[in-house]
Amino acid sequence: MALLEFITDENLFLEVRVLVQKTLEKNKQANKDFNKNVVDPFCSLFEGPSFPNHEIWKRSELMRQTQKTIQNHVGTFHQKVLGHVDGWSDLGTGSVVDLVNVNKKIIAEIKNKYSTVTGGDLSNKYYSLEGLVSPKHSKFKDYTSYFVQIIPKRKQRYNGEFTPSDKEKGEVCARNPLIRVIDGASFYELVTGREHALKELHAILPKVIEVIYQQELEDEHFKFNDIPNYMDYFKLAYGD
């Protein structure tokens, strides 16, 4: 029996493996380049007393330096996972959109967090999607487009018309039922037909990560500890 209903174990392990490797590579590179990056010498003195020793502070600083890059990779991970669901295709990084379902006439742009794109860039995303679903000669004409924010700003689901502010025009972008913004949990449900698909994915990841570390990275003593504490972060982001 598959670990998840909407993706094969083979494809799930494939995408988790890629993300684990990228995370390890980034952490290794950050450690190598630590002294090449300018560390605020004053800030370090004020942060230092909050840590037991310098080495633990340094680990925290390394994680801070790599977190944004890793978060971007997590966004790609979601794109890849959803691209394995029947009927959906991942168009790859650098394409005009991230996901497409031809039968349902849906396209989607995936971002890992609500704050990944902000300010004037939000209206640029709106016009980018409008340029795909509106022109007569676009292959995506009359498709419904979704701007997906995997991690929402608040613990609530949403799926509504995308109307960001256009600062140059001094007004919000026009309402268009074909241009929508949606949170990650709602989009996973839309793609898979399962109300709690995103939660199911999050819950199974520690087991998959543990297997990859033990069997593929040959760290037989690796154990994913304190899993309930990590599960609580899902509740904080999405609610119960």
C-alpha atoms as a PDB file:
ATOM      1  CA  MET A   1       0.000   0.000   0.000  1.00  0.00           C
ATOM      2  CA  ALA A   2       1.371   3.407  -1.001  1.00  0.00           C
ATOM      3  CA  LEU A   3       2.370   5.882   1.697  1.00  0.00           C
ATOM      4  CA  LEU A   4       0.153   8.516   0.071  1.00  0.00           C
ATOM      5  CA  GLU A   5      -2.930   8.131  -2.100  1.00  0.00           C
ATOM      6  CA  PHE A   6      -1.972  10.745  -4.702  1.00  0.00           C
ATOM      7  CA  ILE A   7       1.670   9.935  -5.530  1.00  0.00           C
ATOM      8  CA  THR A   8       3.609   6.701  -5.894  1.00  0.00           C
ATOM      9  CA  ASP A   9       6.244   5.830  -3.315  1.00  0.00           C
ATOM     10  CA  GLU A  10       8.851   5.855  -6.076  1.00  0.00           C
ATOM     11  CA  ASN A  11       8.070   9.426  -7.080  1.00  0.00           C
ATOM     12  CA  LEU A  12       7.708  10.591  -3.475  1.00  0.00           C
ATOM     13  CA  PHE A  13      11.130   9.210  -2.539  1.00  0.00           C
ATOM     14  CA  LEU A  14      12.583  10.705  -5.712  1.00  0.00           C
ATOM     15  CA  GLU A  15      11.505  14.241  -4.841  1.00  0.00           C
ATOM     16  CA  VAL A  16      12.369  13.981  -1.136  1.00  0.00           C
ATOM     17  CA  ARG A  17      15.789  12.583  -2.053  1.00  0.00           C
ATOM     18  CA  VAL A  18      16.482  15.538  -4.338  1.00  0.00           C
ATOM     19  CA  LEU A  19      15.537  18.041  -1.630  1.00  0.00           C
ATOM     20  CA  VAL A  20      17.577  16.266   1.063  1.00  0.00           C
ATOM     21  CA  GLN A  21      20.629  16.283  -1.206  1.00  0.00           C
ATOM     22  CA  LYS A  22      20.197  19.955  -2.073  1.00  0.00           C
ATOM     23  CA  THR A  23      19.849  20.830   1.608  1.00  0.00           C
ATOM     24  CA  LEU A  24      23.009  18.929   2.528  1.00  0.00           C
ATOM     25  CA  GLU A  25      24.940  20.459  -0.368  1.00  0.00           C
ATOM     26  CA  LYS A  26      23.837  23.964   0.564  1.00  0.00           C
ATOM     27  CA  ASN A  27      24.749  23.470   4.217  1.00  0.00           C
ATOM     28  CA  LYS A  28      28.149  22.083   3.236  1.00  0.00           C
ATOM     29  CA  GLN A  29      28.798  25.022   0.926  1.00  0.00           C
ATOM     30  CA  ALA A  30      27.652  27.511   3.564  1.00  0.00           C
ATOM     31  CA  ASN A  31      30.060  26.018   6.088  1.00  0.00           C
ATOM     32  CA  LYS A  32      32.871  26.211   3.547  1.00  0.00           C
ATOM     33  CA  ASP A  33      32.067  29.824   2.673  1.00  0.00           C
ATOM     34  CA  PHE A  34      31.253  30.972   6.201  1.00  0.00           C
ATOM     35  CA  ASN A  35      34.179  33.367   6.509  1.00  0.00           C
ATOM     36  CA  LYS A  36      33.700  34.635   2.946  1.00  0.00           C
ATOM     37  CA  ASN A  37      30.296  36.025   3.864  1.00  0.00           C
ATOM     38  CA  VAL A  38      30.485  39.139   5.987  1.00  0.00           C
ATOM     39  CA  VAL A  39      29.088  38.352   9.422  1.00  0.00           C
ATOM     40  CA  ASP A  40      27.967  41.368  11.413  1.00  0.00           C
ATOM     41  CA  PRO A  41      30.603  41.405  14.193  1.00  0.00           C
ATOM     42  CA  PHE A  42      28.451  43.587  16.448  1.00  0.00           C
ATOM     43  CA  CYS A  43      25.251  41.606  15.982  1.00  0.00           C
ATOM     44  CA  SER A  44      27.116  38.398  16.796  1.00  0.00           C
ATOM     45  CA  LEU A  45      28.112  39.820  20.186  1.00  0.00           C
ATOM     46  CA  PHE A  46      24.521  40.638  21.108  1.00  0.00           C
ATOM     47  CA  GLU A  47      23.199  37.295  19.838  1.00  0.00           C
ATOM     48  CA  GLY A  48      25.975  35.256  21.445  1.00  0.00           C
ATOM     49  CA  PRO A  49      24.687  35.288  25.046  1.00  0.00           C
ATOM     50  CA  SER A  50      21.469  33.579  23.889  1.00  0.00           C
ATOM     51  CA  PHE A  51      23.471  30.475  22.907  1.00  0.00           C
ATOM     52  CA  PRO A  52      25.413  28.031  25.113  1.00  0.00           C
ATOM     53  CA  ASN A  53      28.617  28.556  23.126  1.00  0.00           C
ATOM     54  CA  HIS A  54      30.051  29.991  19.925  1.00  0.00           C
ATOM     55  CA  GLU A  55      29.756  26.747  17.950  1.00  0.00           C
ATOM     56  CA  ILE A  56      26.000  26.548  18.498  1.00  0.00           C
ATOM     57  CA  TRP A  57      25.638  30.227  17.574  1.00  0.00           C
ATOM     58  CA  LYS A  58      27.618  29.534  14.391  1.00  0.00           C
ATOM     59  CA  ARG A  59      25.306  26.648  13.451  1.00  0.00           C
ATOM     60  CA  SER A  60      22.333  28.959  13.895  1.00  0.00           C
ATOM     61  CA  GLU A  61      23.980  31.592  11.704  1.00  0.00           C
ATOM     62  CA  LEU A  62      24.729  28.992   9.024  1.00  0.00           C
ATOM     63  CA  MET A  63      21.082  27.936   8.992  1.00  0.00           C
ATOM     64  CA  ARG A  64      19.996  31.553   8.725  1.00  0.00           C
ATOM     65  CA  GLN A  65      22.276  32.080   5.731  1.00  0.00           C
ATOM     66  CA  THR A  66      20.954  29.014   3.899  1.00  0.00           C
ATOM     67  CA  GLN A  67      17.271  29.141   4.863  1.00  0.00           C
ATOM     68  CA  LYS A  68      16.029  31.352   2.027  1.00  0.00           C
ATOM     69  CA  THR A  69      17.669  29.182  -0.628  1.00  0.00           C
ATOM     70  CA  ILE A  70      16.303  26.018   0.961  1.00  0.00           C
ATOM     71  CA  GLN A  71      12.814  27.551   1.162  1.00  0.00           C
ATOM     72  CA  ASN A  72      12.966  28.189  -2.589  1.00  0.00           C
ATOM     73  CA  HIS A  73      13.895  24.540  -3.109  1.00  0.00           C
ATOM     74  CA  VAL A  74      10.914  23.533  -0.951  1.00  0.00           C
ATOM     75  CA  GLY A  75       8.661  25.504  -3.295  1.00  0.00           C
ATOM     76  CA  THR A  76      10.095  23.530  -6.213  1.00  0.00           C
ATOM     77  CA  PHE A  77       9.538  20.329  -4.209  1.00  0.00           C
ATOM     78  CA  HIS A  78       5.808  21.070  -3.970  1.00  0.00           C
ATOM     79  CA  GLN A  79       5.732  21.817  -7.691  1.00  0.00           C
ATOM     80  CA  LYS A  80       7.376  18.463  -8.446  1.00  0.00           C
ATOM     81  CA  VAL A  81       5.134  16.495  -6.078  1.00  0.00           C
ATOM     82  CA  LEU A  82       1.958  17.980  -7.546  1.00  0.00           C
ATOM     83  CA  GLY A  83       3.293  17.379 -11.046  1.00  0.00           C
ATOM     84  CA  HIS A  84       3.218  13.631 -10.336  1.00  0.00           C
ATOM     85  CA  VAL A  85      -0.538  13.636  -9.629  1.00  0.00           C
ATOM     86  CA  ASP A  86      -2.593  12.073 -12.427  1.00  0.00           C
ATOM     87  CA  GLY A  87      -3.656  14.660 -14.992  1.00  0.00           C
ATOM     88  CA  TRP A  88      -1.112  17.263 -13.879  1.00  0.00           C
ATOM     89  CA  SER A  89       2.178  18.191 -15.523  1.00  0.00           C
ATOM     90  CA  ASP A  90       5.156  20.015 -14.051  1.00  0.00           C
ATOM     91  CA  LEU A  91       6.468  22.313 -16.780  1.00  0.00           C
ATOM     92  CA  GLY A  92       9.777  22.819 -14.989  1.00  0.00           C
ATOM     93  CA  THR A  93      11.668  25.772 -13.570  1.00  0.00           C
ATOM     94  CA  GLY A  94      11.825  28.726 -15.934  1.00  0.00           C
ATOM     95  CA  SER A  95       8.630  27.898 -17.837  1.00  0.00           C
ATOM     96  CA  VAL A  96       5.819  30.431 -18.243  1.00  0.00           C
ATOM     97  CA  VAL A  97       3.894  28.595 -15.504  1.00  0.00           C
ATOM     98  CA  ASP A  98       4.749  25.773 -13.117  1.00  0.00           C
ATOM     99  CA  LEU A  99       1.824  23.356 -13.414  1.00  0.00           C
ATOM    100  CA  VAL A 100      -0.834  22.625 -15.992  1.00  0.00           C
ATOM    101  CA  ASN A 101      -3.867  20.361 -16.195  1.00  0.00           C
ATOM    102  CA  VAL A 102      -5.072  20.354 -19.783  1.00  0.00           C
ATOM    103  CA  ASN A 103      -8.274  18.417 -19.112  1.00  0.00           C
ATOM    104  CA  LYS A 104      -9.387  20.753 -16.318  1.00  0.00           C
ATOM    105  CA  LYS A 105      -7.981  23.830 -18.108  1.00  0.00           C
ATOM    106  CA  ILE A 106      -5.949  24.972 -15.106  1.00  0.00           C
ATOM    107  CA  ILE A 107      -2.503  26.529 -14.854  1.00  0.00           C
ATOM    108  CA  ALA A 108      -0.669  27.412 -11.653  1.00  0.00           C
ATOM    109  CA  GLU A 109       2.298  29.384 -10.391  1.00  0.00           C
ATOM    110  CA  ILE A 110       3.696  27.900  -7.159  1.00  0.00           C
ATOM    111  CA  LYS A 111       5.366  29.940  -4.427  1.00  0.00           C
ATOM    112  CA  ASN A 112       6.459  28.432  -1.130  1.00  0.00           C
ATOM    113  CA  LYS A 113       5.272  31.274   1.104  1.00  0.00           C
ATOM    114  CA  TYR A 114       2.907  34.225   1.004  1.00  0.00           C
ATOM    115  CA  SER A 115       5.899  36.558   1.419  1.00  0.00           C
ATOM    116  CA  THR A 116       7.960  35.077  -1.434  1.00  0.00           C
ATOM    117  CA  VAL A 117       6.449  37.663  -3.778  1.00  0.00           C
ATOM    118  CA  THR A 118       5.442  41.020  -2.313  1.00  0.00           C
ATOM    119  CA  GLY A 119       4.622  44.608  -3.196  1.00  0.00           C
ATOM    120  CA  GLY A 120       4.711  45.591  -6.842  1.00  0.00           C
ATOM    121  CA  ASP A 121       5.859  42.127  -7.863  1.00  0.00           C
ATOM    122  CA  LEU A 122       2.390  40.797  -7.009  1.00  0.00           C
ATOM    123  CA  SER A 123       0.787  42.929  -9.713  1.00  0.00           C
ATOM    124  CA  ASN A 124       3.469  41.711 -12.125  1.00  0.00           C
ATOM    125  CA  LYS A 125       2.373  38.147 -11.368  1.00  0.00           C
ATOM    126  CA  TYR A 126      -1.231  39.148 -11.986  1.00  0.00           C
ATOM    127  CA  TYR A 127      -0.427  40.613 -15.400  1.00  0.00           C
ATOM    128  CA  SER A 128       1.720  37.605 -16.246  1.00  0.00           C
ATOM    129  CA  LEU A 129      -1.204  35.261 -15.582  1.00  0.00           C
ATOM    130  CA  GLU A 130      -3.602  37.603 -17.378  1.00  0.00           C
ATOM    131  CA  GLY A 131      -1.318  37.491 -20.397  1.00  0.00           C
ATOM    132  CA  LEU A 132      -1.652  33.715 -20.480  1.00  0.00           C
ATOM    133  CA  VAL A 133      -5.404  33.228 -20.012  1.00  0.00           C
ATOM    134  CA  SER A 134      -6.802  36.240 -21.891  1.00  0.00           C
ATOM    135  CA  PRO A 135      -5.214  36.619 -25.373  1.00  0.00           C
ATOM    136  CA  LYS A 136      -7.057  34.914 -28.221  1.00  0.00           C
ATOM    137  CA  HIS A 137      -3.959  33.168 -29.509  1.00  0.00           C
ATOM    138  CA  SER A 138      -2.629  31.922 -26.160  1.00  0.00           C
ATOM    139  CA  LYS A 139      -2.700  28.140 -25.746  1.00  0.00           C
ATOM    140  CA  PHE A 140      -3.970  28.782 -22.214  1.00  0.00           C
ATOM    141  CA  LYS A 141      -6.862  31.025 -23.251  1.00  0.00           C
ATOM    142  CA  ASP A 142      -9.847  30.643 -20.914  1.00  0.00           C
ATOM    143  CA  TYR A 143      -7.863  28.456 -18.504  1.00  0.00           C
ATOM    144  CA  THR A 144      -8.268  29.210 -14.803  1.00  0.00           C
ATOM    145  CA  SER A 145      -4.944  30.403 -13.400  1.00  0.00           C
ATOM    146  CA  TYR A 146      -3.882  30.082  -9.767  1.00  0.00           C
ATOM    147  CA  PHE A 147      -1.224  31.985  -7.857  1.00  0.00           C
ATOM    148  CA  VAL A 148      -0.446  29.423  -5.153  1.00  0.00           C
ATOM    149  CA  GLN A 149       0.932  30.434  -1.756  1.00  0.00           C
ATOM    150  CA  ILE A 150       1.801  27.117  -0.120  1.00  0.00           C
ATOM    151  CA  ILE A 151       2.218  28.697   3.319  1.00  0.00           C
ATOM    152  CA  PRO A 152      -0.514  31.296   3.929  1.00  0.00           C
ATOM    153  CA  LYS A 153      -0.197  34.452   5.984  1.00  0.00           C
ATOM    154  CA  ARG A 154      -2.936  33.346   8.363  1.00  0.00           C
ATOM    155  CA  LYS A 155      -4.385  30.018   9.461  1.00  0.00           C
ATOM    156  CA  GLN A 156      -7.237  30.026   6.994  1.00  0.00           C
ATOM    157  CA  ARG A 157      -8.024  28.587   3.613  1.00  0.00           C
ATOM    158  CA  TYR A 158      -8.764  30.830   0.673  1.00  0.00           C
ATOM    159  CA  ASN A 159      -9.491  30.542  -3.022  1.00  0.00           C
ATOM    160  CA  GLY A 160     -10.554  33.870  -4.456  1.00  0.00           C
ATOM    161  CA  GLU A 161      -9.959  36.345  -7.226  1.00  0.00           C
ATOM    162  CA  PHE A 162      -6.396  37.673  -7.228  1.00  0.00           C
ATOM    163  CA  THR A 163      -6.543  41.474  -6.951  1.00  0.00           C
ATOM    164  CA  PRO A 164      -3.158  42.832  -5.821  1.00  0.00           C
ATOM    165  CA  SER A 165      -2.437  46.554  -5.783  1.00  0.00           C
ATOM    166  CA  ASP A 166      -0.934  48.106  -8.899  1.00  0.00           C
ATOM    167  CA  LYS A 167       1.187  50.875  -7.416  1.00  0.00           C
ATOM    168  CA  GLU A 168       1.874  52.494 -10.786  1.00  0.00           C
ATOM    169  CA  LYS A 169      -1.838  52.871 -11.516  1.00  0.00           C
ATOM    170  CA  GLY A 170      -2.741  53.569  -7.899  1.00  0.00           C
ATOM    171  CA  GLU A 171      -5.511  50.975  -7.886  1.00  0.00           C
ATOM    172  CA  VAL A 172      -6.074  47.266  -7.443  1.00  0.00           C
ATOM    173  CA  CYS A 173      -5.930  44.940 -10.413  1.00  0.00           C
ATOM    174  CA  ALA A 174      -9.268  44.195 -12.052  1.00  0.00           C
ATOM    175  CA  ARG A 175     -11.287  41.260 -10.796  1.00  0.00           C
ATOM    176  CA  ASN A 176     -11.107  38.286 -13.122  1.00  0.00           C
ATOM    177  CA  PRO A 177     -12.585  34.886 -12.222  1.00  0.00           C
ATOM    178  CA  LEU A 178      -9.815  33.256 -14.276  1.00  0.00           C
ATOM    179  CA  ILE A 179      -7.035  34.771 -12.148  1.00  0.00           C
ATOM    180  CA  ARG A 180      -7.086  33.464  -8.585  1.00  0.00           C
ATOM    181  CA  VAL A 181      -4.979  33.255  -5.430  1.00  0.00           C
ATOM    182  CA  ILE A 182      -5.109  30.147  -3.260  1.00  0.00           C
ATOM    183  CA  ASP A 183      -3.410  28.720  -0.166  1.00  0.00           C
ATOM    184  CA  GLY A 184      -1.391  25.508  -0.248  1.00  0.00           C
ATOM    185  CA  ALA A 185      -3.845  23.260   1.595  1.00  0.00           C
ATOM    186  CA  SER A 186      -6.710  24.302  -0.688  1.00  0.00           C
ATOM    187  CA  PHE A 187      -4.614  23.837  -3.810  1.00  0.00           C
ATOM    188  CA  TYR A 188      -3.462  20.385  -2.760  1.00  0.00           C
ATOM    189  CA  GLU A 189      -7.138  19.502  -2.275  1.00  0.00           C
ATOM    190  CA  LEU A 190      -7.999  20.924  -5.696  1.00  0.00           C
ATOM    191  CA  VAL A 191      -5.244  18.871  -7.348  1.00  0.00           C
ATOM    192  CA  THR A 192      -5.679  15.596  -5.457  1.00  0.00           C
ATOM    193  CA  GLY A 193      -9.338  15.631  -4.453  1.00  0.00           C
ATOM    194  CA  ARG A 194      -8.256  14.954  -0.858  1.00  0.00           C
ATOM    195  CA  GLU A 195      -9.170  17.552   1.768  1.00  0.00           C
ATOM    196  CA  HIS A 196      -6.107  16.898   3.926  1.00  0.00           C
ATOM    197  CA  ALA A 197      -3.578  15.993   1.217  1.00  0.00           C
ATOM    198  CA  LEU A 198      -1.009  18.582   2.302  1.00  0.00           C
ATOM    199  CA  LYS A 199      -1.266  17.471   5.938  1.00  0.00           C
ATOM    200  CA  GLU A 200      -0.869  13.846   4.858  1.00  0.00           C
ATOM    201  CA  LEU A 201       2.295  14.753   2.953  1.00  0.00           C
ATOM    202  CA  HIS A 202       3.729  16.652   5.916  1.00  0.00           C
ATOM    203  CA  ALA A 203       2.958  13.783   8.304  1.00  0.00           C
ATOM    204  CA  ILE A 204       4.734  11.146   6.201  1.00  0.00           C
ATOM    205  CA  LEU A 205       7.868  13.167   5.409  1.00  0.00           C
ATOM    206  CA  PRO A 206       9.794  12.353   8.641  1.00  0.00           C
ATOM    207  CA  LYS A 207       9.495   8.641   7.856  1.00  0.00           C
ATOM    208  CA  VAL A 208      10.666   9.121   4.266  1.00  0.00           C
ATOM    209  CA  ILE A 209      13.548  11.395   5.302  1.00  0.00           C
ATOM    210  CA  GLU A 210      14.626   8.885   7.953  1.00  0.00           C
ATOM    211  CA  VAL A 211      14.716   6.048   5.408  1.00  0.00           C
ATOM    212  CA  ILE A 212      16.773   8.138   2.980  1.00  0.00           C
ATOM    213  CA  TYR A 213      19.330   9.033   5.656  1.00  0.00           C
ATOM    214  CA  GLN A 214      19.589   5.467   6.942  1.00  0.00           C
ATOM    215  CA  GLN A 215      19.561   3.488   3.693  1.00  0.00           C
ATOM    216  CA  GLU A 216      20.841   5.836   1.004  1.00  0.00           C
ATOM    217  CA  LEU A 217      23.148   8.147   2.940  1.00  0.00           C
ATOM    218  CA  GLU A 218      24.289   5.158   5.022  1.00  0.00           C
ATOM    219  CA  ASP A 219      23.691   6.903   8.322  1.00  0.00           C
ATOM    220  CA  GLU A 220      22.241   3.839  10.012  1.00  0.00           C
ATOM    221  CA  HIS A 221      21.999   5.533  13.394  1.00  0.00           C
ATOM    222  CA  PHE A 222      19.995   8.494  12.113  1.00  0.00           C
ATOM    223  CA  LYS A 223      16.707   8.960  13.931  1.00  0.00           C
ATOM    224  CA  PHE A 224      14.165  11.704  13.295  1.00  0.00           C
ATOM    225  CA  ASN A 225      13.538  12.804  16.871  1.00  0.00           C
ATOM    226  CA  ASP A 226      10.798  14.931  18.408  1.00  0.00           C
ATOM    227  CA  ILE A 227       8.417  14.424  15.484  1.00  0.00           C
ATOM    228  CA  PRO A 228       5.320  15.649  17.418  1.00  0.00           C
ATOM    229  CA  ASN A 229       7.045  19.001  17.924  1.00  0.00           C
ATOM    230  CA  TYR A 230       7.599  19.334  14.179  1.00  0.00           C
ATOM    231  CA  MET A 231       3.996  18.342  13.508  1.00  0.00           C
ATOM    232  CA  ASP A 232       2.882  21.270  15.662  1.00  0.00           C
ATOM    233  CA  TYR A 233       4.360  23.687  13.122  1.00  0.00           C
ATOM    234  CA  PHE A 234       1.806  22.488  10.579  1.00  0.00           C
ATOM    235  CA  LYS A 235      -0.994  23.374  12.995  1.00  0.00           C
ATOM    236  CA  LEU A 236       0.535  26.804  13.548  1.00  0.00           C
ATOM    237  CA  ALA A 237       0.644  27.432   9.798  1.00  0.00           C
ATOM    238  CA  TYR A 238      -2.682  25.913   8.743  1.00  0.00           C
ATOM    239  CA  GLY A 239      -4.755  25.324  11.867  1.00  0.00           C
ATOM    240  CA  ASP A 240      -6.277  21.986  12.867  1.00  0.00           C
END
